[in-house]
Every structure is written in C-alpha cells, then in structure tokens.
Amino acid sequence: RSAPSATILAGVTVGEKAIVGAGSVVTKDVPPGTIV
C-alpha cells in the first residue's frame, strides 16, 4: 500500500505487504513486510 502524496523514484521495488507512509519519497527498494 502507498499512502497519499508518496513519490516512488525510478528503479524502486516495493515489496510484498509493505506500506509506504504519506508524503514519503521512496529512493530505495522497500523490503517485504515493512513500513517506510
């Protein structure tokens, strides 16, 4: 899941059951089952 206003940069993989917090800028892979 990705919360509102997140930005996911090129080359990034968001893992299984991960959650991206509101307003986040995702610059690296998100491990499965984590909240970033």
PDB file of all heavy atoms in Angstrom:
ATOM      1  N   ARG A   1       0.842  -1.187   0.000  1.00  0.00           N
ATOM      2  CA  ARG A   1       0.000   0.000   0.000  1.00  0.00           C
ATOM      3  C   ARG A   1       0.878   1.238   0.000  1.00  0.00           C
ATOM      4  O   ARG A   1       1.914   1.266   0.655  1.00  0.00           O
ATOM      5  CB  ARG A   1      -0.890   0.017   1.240  1.00  0.00           C
ATOM      6  CG  ARG A   1      -1.871  -1.130   1.253  1.00  0.00           C
ATOM      7  CD  ARG A   1      -2.702  -1.085   2.488  1.00  0.00           C
ATOM      8  NE  ARG A   1      -1.847  -1.368   3.634  1.00  0.00           N
ATOM      9  CZ  ARG A   1      -2.291  -1.833   4.780  1.00  0.00           C
ATOM     10  NH1 ARG A   1      -3.559  -2.041   4.965  1.00  0.00           N
ATOM     11  NH2 ARG A   1      -1.475  -2.068   5.767  1.00  0.00           N
ATOM     12  N   SER A   2       0.429   2.230  -0.719  1.00  0.00           N
ATOM     13  CA  SER A   2       1.119   3.502  -0.725  1.00  0.00           C
ATOM     14  C   SER A   2       0.142   4.567  -0.269  1.00  0.00           C
ATOM     15  O   SER A   2      -0.946   4.705  -0.827  1.00  0.00           O
ATOM     16  CB  SER A   2       1.621   3.818  -2.138  1.00  0.00           C
ATOM     17  OG  SER A   2       2.292   5.043  -2.130  1.00  0.00           O
ATOM     18  N   ALA A   3       0.530   5.310   0.757  1.00  0.00           N
ATOM     19  CA  ALA A   3      -0.327   6.346   1.325  1.00  0.00           C
ATOM     20  C   ALA A   3      -0.280   7.608   0.453  1.00  0.00           C
ATOM     21  O   ALA A   3       0.550   7.717  -0.439  1.00  0.00           O
ATOM     22  CB  ALA A   3       0.118   6.642   2.745  1.00  0.00           C
ATOM     23  N   PRO A   4      -1.158   8.574   0.734  1.00  0.00           N
ATOM     24  CA  PRO A   4      -1.242   9.778  -0.091  1.00  0.00           C
ATOM     25  C   PRO A   4       0.069  10.531  -0.240  1.00  0.00           C
ATOM     26  O   PRO A   4       0.886  10.580   0.676  1.00  0.00           O
ATOM     27  CB  PRO A   4      -2.261  10.638   0.662  1.00  0.00           C
ATOM     28  CG  PRO A   4      -3.083   9.674   1.433  1.00  0.00           C
ATOM     29  CD  PRO A   4      -2.134   8.561   1.804  1.00  0.00           C
ATOM     30  N   SER A   5       0.225  11.102  -1.430  1.00  0.00           N
ATOM     31  CA  SER A   5       1.317  12.020  -1.767  1.00  0.00           C
ATOM     32  C   SER A   5       2.708  11.409  -1.694  1.00  0.00           C
ATOM     33  O   SER A   5       3.693  12.125  -1.553  1.00  0.00           O
ATOM     34  CB  SER A   5       1.247  13.286  -0.901  1.00  0.00           C
ATOM     35  OG  SER A   5       0.034  13.961  -1.163  1.00  0.00           O
ATOM     36  N   ALA A   6       2.815  10.109  -1.822  1.00  0.00           N
ATOM     37  CA  ALA A   6       4.137   9.473  -1.887  1.00  0.00           C
ATOM     38  C   ALA A   6       4.693   9.631  -3.291  1.00  0.00           C
ATOM     39  O   ALA A   6       3.949   9.734  -4.265  1.00  0.00           O
ATOM     40  CB  ALA A   6       4.042   7.993  -1.530  1.00  0.00           C
ATOM     41  N   THR A   7       6.022   9.660  -3.375  1.00  0.00           N
ATOM     42  CA  THR A   7       6.720   9.676  -4.658  1.00  0.00           C
ATOM     43  C   THR A   7       7.630   8.462  -4.695  1.00  0.00           C
ATOM     44  O   THR A   7       8.427   8.260  -3.771  1.00  0.00           O
ATOM     45  CB  THR A   7       7.550  10.967  -4.816  1.00  0.00           C
ATOM     46  OG1 THR A   7       6.662  12.091  -4.747  1.00  0.00           O
ATOM     47  CG2 THR A   7       8.293  10.982  -6.131  1.00  0.00           C
ATOM     48  N   ILE A   8       7.487   7.661  -5.749  1.00  0.00           N
ATOM     49  CA  ILE A   8       8.278   6.443  -5.901  1.00  0.00           C
ATOM     50  C   ILE A   8       9.251   6.689  -7.050  1.00  0.00           C
ATOM     51  O   ILE A   8       8.826   6.861  -8.204  1.00  0.00           O
ATOM     52  CB  ILE A   8       7.381   5.222  -6.233  1.00  0.00           C
ATOM     53  CG1 ILE A   8       6.125   5.169  -5.355  1.00  0.00           C
ATOM     54  CG2 ILE A   8       8.197   3.937  -6.190  1.00  0.00           C
ATOM     55  CD1 ILE A   8       6.344   4.960  -3.895  1.00  0.00           C
ATOM     56  N   LEU A   9      10.558   6.716  -6.758  1.00  0.00           N
ATOM     57  CA  LEU A   9      11.550   7.019  -7.778  1.00  0.00           C
ATOM     58  C   LEU A   9      11.845   5.814  -8.662  1.00  0.00           C
ATOM     59  O   LEU A   9      11.498   4.671  -8.336  1.00  0.00           O
ATOM     60  CB  LEU A   9      12.838   7.525  -7.127  1.00  0.00           C
ATOM     61  CG  LEU A   9      12.704   8.844  -6.356  1.00  0.00           C
ATOM     62  CD1 LEU A   9      14.067   9.318  -5.877  1.00  0.00           C
ATOM     63  CD2 LEU A   9      12.050   9.928  -7.193  1.00  0.00           C
ATOM     64  N   ALA A  10      12.502   6.076  -9.769  1.00  0.00           N
ATOM     65  CA  ALA A  10      12.829   5.049 -10.759  1.00  0.00           C
ATOM     66  C   ALA A  10      13.657   3.924 -10.160  1.00  0.00           C
ATOM     67  O   ALA A  10      14.507   4.147  -9.300  1.00  0.00           O
ATOM     68  CB  ALA A  10      13.595   5.682 -11.921  1.00  0.00           C
ATOM     69  N   GLY A  11      13.385   2.717 -10.616  1.00  0.00           N
ATOM     70  CA  GLY A  11      14.166   1.550 -10.226  1.00  0.00           C
ATOM     71  C   GLY A  11      13.806   0.953  -8.888  1.00  0.00           C
ATOM     72  O   GLY A  11      14.442   0.010  -8.443  1.00  0.00           O
ATOM     73  N   VAL A  12      12.795   1.469  -8.216  1.00  0.00           N
ATOM     74  CA  VAL A  12      12.442   1.022  -6.872  1.00  0.00           C
ATOM     75  C   VAL A  12      11.411  -0.100  -6.940  1.00  0.00           C
ATOM     76  O   VAL A  12      10.480  -0.055  -7.736  1.00  0.00           O
ATOM     77  CB  VAL A  12      11.882   2.203  -6.040  1.00  0.00           C
ATOM     78  CG1 VAL A  12      11.260   1.729  -4.743  1.00  0.00           C
ATOM     79  CG2 VAL A  12      12.978   3.213  -5.773  1.00  0.00           C
ATOM     80  N   THR A  13      11.574  -1.103  -6.087  1.00  0.00           N
ATOM     81  CA  THR A  13      10.589  -2.162  -5.917  1.00  0.00           C
ATOM     82  C   THR A  13      10.017  -2.065  -4.511  1.00  0.00           C
ATOM     83  O   THR A  13      10.767  -2.005  -3.544  1.00  0.00           O
ATOM     84  CB  THR A  13      11.228  -3.556  -6.111  1.00  0.00           C
ATOM     85  OG1 THR A  13      11.730  -3.647  -7.438  1.00  0.00           O
ATOM     86  CG2 THR A  13      10.222  -4.667  -5.875  1.00  0.00           C
ATOM     87  N   VAL A  14       8.689  -2.030  -4.419  1.00  0.00           N
ATOM     88  CA  VAL A  14       8.017  -2.038  -3.120  1.00  0.00           C
ATOM     89  C   VAL A  14       7.594  -3.475  -2.873  1.00  0.00           C
ATOM     90  O   VAL A  14       6.826  -4.046  -3.631  1.00  0.00           O
ATOM     91  CB  VAL A  14       6.805  -1.085  -3.108  1.00  0.00           C
ATOM     92  CG1 VAL A  14       6.079  -1.161  -1.771  1.00  0.00           C
ATOM     93  CG2 VAL A  14       7.255   0.344  -3.403  1.00  0.00           C
ATOM     94  N   GLY A  15       8.108  -4.076  -1.793  1.00  0.00           N
ATOM     95  CA  GLY A  15       7.915  -5.493  -1.523  1.00  0.00           C
ATOM     96  C   GLY A  15       6.527  -5.875  -1.065  1.00  0.00           C
ATOM     97  O   GLY A  15       5.697  -5.033  -0.704  1.00  0.00           O
ATOM     98  N   GLU A  16       6.313  -7.180  -1.050  1.00  0.00           N
ATOM     99  CA  GLU A  16       5.036  -7.761  -0.656  1.00  0.00           C
ATOM    100  C   GLU A  16       4.638  -7.302   0.743  1.00  0.00           C
ATOM    101  O   GLU A  16       5.443  -7.286   1.670  1.00  0.00           O
ATOM    102  CB  GLU A  16       5.170  -9.284  -0.680  1.00  0.00           C
ATOM    103  CG  GLU A  16       3.908 -10.024  -0.388  1.00  0.00           C
ATOM    104  CD  GLU A  16       4.091 -11.526  -0.550  1.00  0.00           C
ATOM    105  OE1 GLU A  16       5.100 -11.973  -1.107  1.00  0.00           O
ATOM    106  OE2 GLU A  16       3.194 -12.243  -0.081  1.00  0.00           O
ATOM    107  N   LYS A  17       3.381  -6.880   0.878  1.00  0.00           N
ATOM    108  CA  LYS A  17       2.781  -6.449   2.144  1.00  0.00           C
ATOM    109  C   LYS A  17       3.469  -5.251   2.791  1.00  0.00           C
ATOM    110  O   LYS A  17       3.315  -5.005   3.978  1.00  0.00           O
ATOM    111  CB  LYS A  17       2.698  -7.611   3.132  1.00  0.00           C
ATOM    112  CG  LYS A  17       1.825  -8.740   2.636  1.00  0.00           C
ATOM    113  CD  LYS A  17       1.735  -9.866   3.641  1.00  0.00           C
ATOM    114  CE  LYS A  17       0.873 -10.990   3.094  1.00  0.00           C
ATOM    115  NZ  LYS A  17       0.829 -12.130   3.990  1.00  0.00           N
ATOM    116  N   ALA A  18       4.240  -4.486   2.015  1.00  0.00           N
ATOM    117  CA  ALA A  18       4.882  -3.282   2.539  1.00  0.00           C
ATOM    118  C   ALA A  18       3.893  -2.122   2.533  1.00  0.00           C
ATOM    119  O   ALA A  18       2.905  -2.137   1.796  1.00  0.00           O
ATOM    120  CB  ALA A  18       6.101  -2.922   1.706  1.00  0.00           C
ATOM    121  N   ILE A  19       4.170  -1.112   3.361  1.00  0.00           N
ATOM    122  CA  ILE A  19       3.358   0.094   3.409  1.00  0.00           C
ATOM    123  C   ILE A  19       4.290   1.291   3.294  1.00  0.00           C
ATOM    124  O   ILE A  19       5.279   1.398   4.024  1.00  0.00           O
ATOM    125  CB  ILE A  19       2.555   0.182   4.729  1.00  0.00           C
ATOM    126  CG1 ILE A  19       1.588  -0.997   4.846  1.00  0.00           C
ATOM    127  CG2 ILE A  19       1.812   1.517   4.805  1.00  0.00           C
ATOM    128  CD1 ILE A  19       0.871  -1.069   6.185  1.00  0.00           C
ATOM    129  N   VAL A  20       3.942   2.201   2.368  1.00  0.00           N
ATOM    130  CA  VAL A  20       4.690   3.440   2.186  1.00  0.00           C
ATOM    131  C   VAL A  20       3.878   4.554   2.824  1.00  0.00           C
ATOM    132  O   VAL A  20       2.708   4.751   2.474  1.00  0.00           O
ATOM    133  CB  VAL A  20       4.928   3.730   0.692  1.00  0.00           C
ATOM    134  CG1 VAL A  20       5.601   5.082   0.507  1.00  0.00           C
ATOM    135  CG2 VAL A  20       5.760   2.616   0.051  1.00  0.00           C
ATOM    136  N   GLY A  21       4.472   5.282   3.768  1.00  0.00           N
ATOM    137  CA  GLY A  21       3.779   6.328   4.507  1.00  0.00           C
ATOM    138  C   GLY A  21       3.486   7.567   3.683  1.00  0.00           C
ATOM    139  O   GLY A  21       4.140   7.836   2.670  1.00  0.00           O
ATOM    140  N   ALA A  22       2.528   8.340   4.139  1.00  0.00           N
ATOM    141  CA  ALA A  22       2.094   9.559   3.462  1.00  0.00           C
ATOM    142  C   ALA A  22       3.259  10.525   3.281  1.00  0.00           C
ATOM    143  O   ALA A  22       4.050  10.738   4.196  1.00  0.00           O
ATOM    144  CB  ALA A  22       0.981  10.231   4.256  1.00  0.00           C
ATOM    145  N   GLY A  23       3.365  11.096   2.085  1.00  0.00           N
ATOM    146  CA  GLY A  23       4.371  12.104   1.797  1.00  0.00           C
ATOM    147  C   GLY A  23       5.782  11.571   1.647  1.00  0.00           C
ATOM    148  O   GLY A  23       6.722  12.356   1.488  1.00  0.00           O
ATOM    149  N   SER A  24       5.964  10.285   1.650  1.00  0.00           N
ATOM    150  CA  SER A  24       7.307   9.700   1.567  1.00  0.00           C
ATOM    151  C   SER A  24       7.894   9.842   0.175  1.00  0.00           C
ATOM    152  O   SER A  24       7.174   9.844  -0.825  1.00  0.00           O
ATOM    153  CB  SER A  24       7.262   8.216   1.927  1.00  0.00           C
ATOM    154  OG  SER A  24       6.844   8.053   3.258  1.00  0.00           O
ATOM    155  N   VAL A  25       9.212   9.933   0.120  1.00  0.00           N
ATOM    156  CA  VAL A  25       9.947   9.891  -1.139  1.00  0.00           C
ATOM    157  C   VAL A  25      10.774   8.611  -1.093  1.00  0.00           C
ATOM    158  O   VAL A  25      11.725   8.499  -0.325  1.00  0.00           O
ATOM    159  CB  VAL A  25      10.841  11.126  -1.324  1.00  0.00           C
ATOM    160  CG1 VAL A  25      11.646  11.016  -2.615  1.00  0.00           C
ATOM    161  CG2 VAL A  25       9.997  12.398  -1.325  1.00  0.00           C
ATOM    162  N   VAL A  26      10.369   7.639  -1.901  1.00  0.00           N
ATOM    163  CA  VAL A  26      10.979   6.309  -1.867  1.00  0.00           C
ATOM    164  C   VAL A  26      12.119   6.271  -2.872  1.00  0.00           C
ATOM    165  O   VAL A  26      11.893   6.312  -4.084  1.00  0.00           O
ATOM    166  CB  VAL A  26       9.940   5.214  -2.141  1.00  0.00           C
ATOM    167  CG1 VAL A  26      10.569   3.833  -2.050  1.00  0.00           C
ATOM    168  CG2 VAL A  26       8.774   5.340  -1.170  1.00  0.00           C
ATOM    169  N   THR A  27      13.352   6.207  -2.364  1.00  0.00           N
ATOM    170  CA  THR A  27      14.546   6.243  -3.211  1.00  0.00           C
ATOM    171  C   THR A  27      15.229   4.889  -3.317  1.00  0.00           C
ATOM    172  O   THR A  27      16.122   4.722  -4.140  1.00  0.00           O
ATOM    173  CB  THR A  27      15.561   7.262  -2.661  1.00  0.00           C
ATOM    174  OG1 THR A  27      15.939   6.864  -1.340  1.00  0.00           O
ATOM    175  CG2 THR A  27      14.961   8.669  -2.623  1.00  0.00           C
ATOM    176  N   LYS A  28      14.852   3.946  -2.449  1.00  0.00           N
ATOM    177  CA  LYS A  28      15.459   2.613  -2.423  1.00  0.00           C
ATOM    178  C   LYS A  28      14.357   1.571  -2.315  1.00  0.00           C
ATOM    179  O   LYS A  28      13.248   1.866  -1.889  1.00  0.00           O
ATOM    180  CB  LYS A  28      16.388   2.464  -1.217  1.00  0.00           C
ATOM    181  CG  LYS A  28      17.565   3.404  -1.222  1.00  0.00           C
ATOM    182  CD  LYS A  28      18.395   3.214   0.022  1.00  0.00           C
ATOM    183  CE  LYS A  28      19.533   4.218   0.030  1.00  0.00           C
ATOM    184  NZ  LYS A  28      20.273   4.181   1.279  1.00  0.00           N
ATOM    185  N   ASP A  29      14.700   0.327  -2.649  1.00  0.00           N
ATOM    186  CA  ASP A  29      13.741  -0.762  -2.521  1.00  0.00           C
ATOM    187  C   ASP A  29      13.171  -0.823  -1.106  1.00  0.00           C
ATOM    188  O   ASP A  29      13.882  -0.564  -0.129  1.00  0.00           O
ATOM    189  CB  ASP A  29      14.398  -2.105  -2.841  1.00  0.00           C
ATOM    190  CG  ASP A  29      14.706  -2.262  -4.322  1.00  0.00           C
ATOM    191  OD1 ASP A  29      14.282  -1.417  -5.137  1.00  0.00           O
ATOM    192  OD2 ASP A  29      15.395  -3.240  -4.664  1.00  0.00           O
ATOM    193  N   VAL A  30      11.905  -1.179  -1.022  1.00  0.00           N
ATOM    194  CA  VAL A  30      11.226  -1.337   0.261  1.00  0.00           C
ATOM    195  C   VAL A  30      11.113  -2.831   0.533  1.00  0.00           C
ATOM    196  O   VAL A  30      10.485  -3.552  -0.235  1.00  0.00           O
ATOM    197  CB  VAL A  30       9.824  -0.691   0.240  1.00  0.00           C
ATOM    198  CG1 VAL A  30       9.104  -0.919   1.556  1.00  0.00           C
ATOM    199  CG2 VAL A  30       9.931   0.799  -0.074  1.00  0.00           C
ATOM    200  N   PRO A  31      11.720  -3.321   1.619  1.00  0.00           N
ATOM    201  CA  PRO A  31      11.661  -4.756   1.904  1.00  0.00           C
ATOM    202  C   PRO A  31      10.233  -5.228   2.155  1.00  0.00           C
ATOM    203  O   PRO A  31       9.394  -4.467   2.646  1.00  0.00           O
ATOM    204  CB  PRO A  31      12.490  -4.902   3.186  1.00  0.00           C
ATOM    205  CG  PRO A  31      13.325  -3.670   3.271  1.00  0.00           C
ATOM    206  CD  PRO A  31      12.517  -2.593   2.607  1.00  0.00           C
ATOM    207  N   PRO A  32       9.950  -6.476   1.829  1.00  0.00           N
ATOM    208  CA  PRO A  32       8.617  -7.029   2.101  1.00  0.00           C
ATOM    209  C   PRO A  32       8.271  -6.891   3.586  1.00  0.00           C
ATOM    210  O   PRO A  32       9.136  -6.993   4.454  1.00  0.00           O
ATOM    211  CB  PRO A  32       8.743  -8.499   1.715  1.00  0.00           C
ATOM    212  CG  PRO A  32       9.888  -8.545   0.758  1.00  0.00           C
ATOM    213  CD  PRO A  32      10.827  -7.464   1.203  1.00  0.00           C
ATOM    214  N   GLY A  33       6.996  -6.642   3.866  1.00  0.00           N
ATOM    215  CA  GLY A  33       6.513  -6.638   5.241  1.00  0.00           C
ATOM    216  C   GLY A  33       7.071  -5.538   6.113  1.00  0.00           C
ATOM    217  O   GLY A  33       7.223  -5.720   7.313  1.00  0.00           O
ATOM    218  N   THR A  34       7.368  -4.378   5.522  1.00  0.00           N
ATOM    219  CA  THR A  34       7.877  -3.269   6.326  1.00  0.00           C
ATOM    220  C   THR A  34       7.032  -2.020   6.089  1.00  0.00           C
ATOM    221  O   THR A  34       6.336  -1.898   5.090  1.00  0.00           O
ATOM    222  CB  THR A  34       9.346  -2.921   5.983  1.00  0.00           C
ATOM    223  OG1 THR A  34       9.428  -2.577   4.601  1.00  0.00           O
ATOM    224  CG2 THR A  34      10.270  -4.060   6.293  1.00  0.00           C
ATOM    225  N   ILE A  35       7.135  -1.096   7.032  1.00  0.00           N
ATOM    226  CA  ILE A  35       6.532   0.221   6.881  1.00  0.00           C
ATOM    227  C   ILE A  35       7.678   1.206   6.717  1.00  0.00           C
ATOM    228  O   ILE A  35       8.614   1.215   7.533  1.00  0.00           O
ATOM    229  CB  ILE A  35       5.699   0.602   8.118  1.00  0.00           C
ATOM    230  CG1 ILE A  35       4.547  -0.378   8.301  1.00  0.00           C
ATOM    231  CG2 ILE A  35       5.174   2.034   7.990  1.00  0.00           C
ATOM    232  CD1 ILE A  35       3.787  -0.184   9.605  1.00  0.00           C
ATOM    233  N   VAL A  36       7.615   2.014   5.646  1.00  0.00           N
ATOM    234  CA  VAL A  36       8.620   3.044   5.419  1.00  0.00           C
ATOM    235  C   VAL A  36       7.941   4.398   5.390  1.00  0.00           C
ATOM    236  O   VAL A  36       6.770   4.519   5.003  1.00  0.00           O
ATOM    237  CB  VAL A  36       9.422   2.812   4.115  1.00  0.00           C
ATOM    238  CG1 VAL A  36      10.159   1.484   4.155  1.00  0.00           C
ATOM    239  CG2 VAL A  36       8.545   2.908   2.895  1.00  0.00           C
TER     240      VAL A  36
END
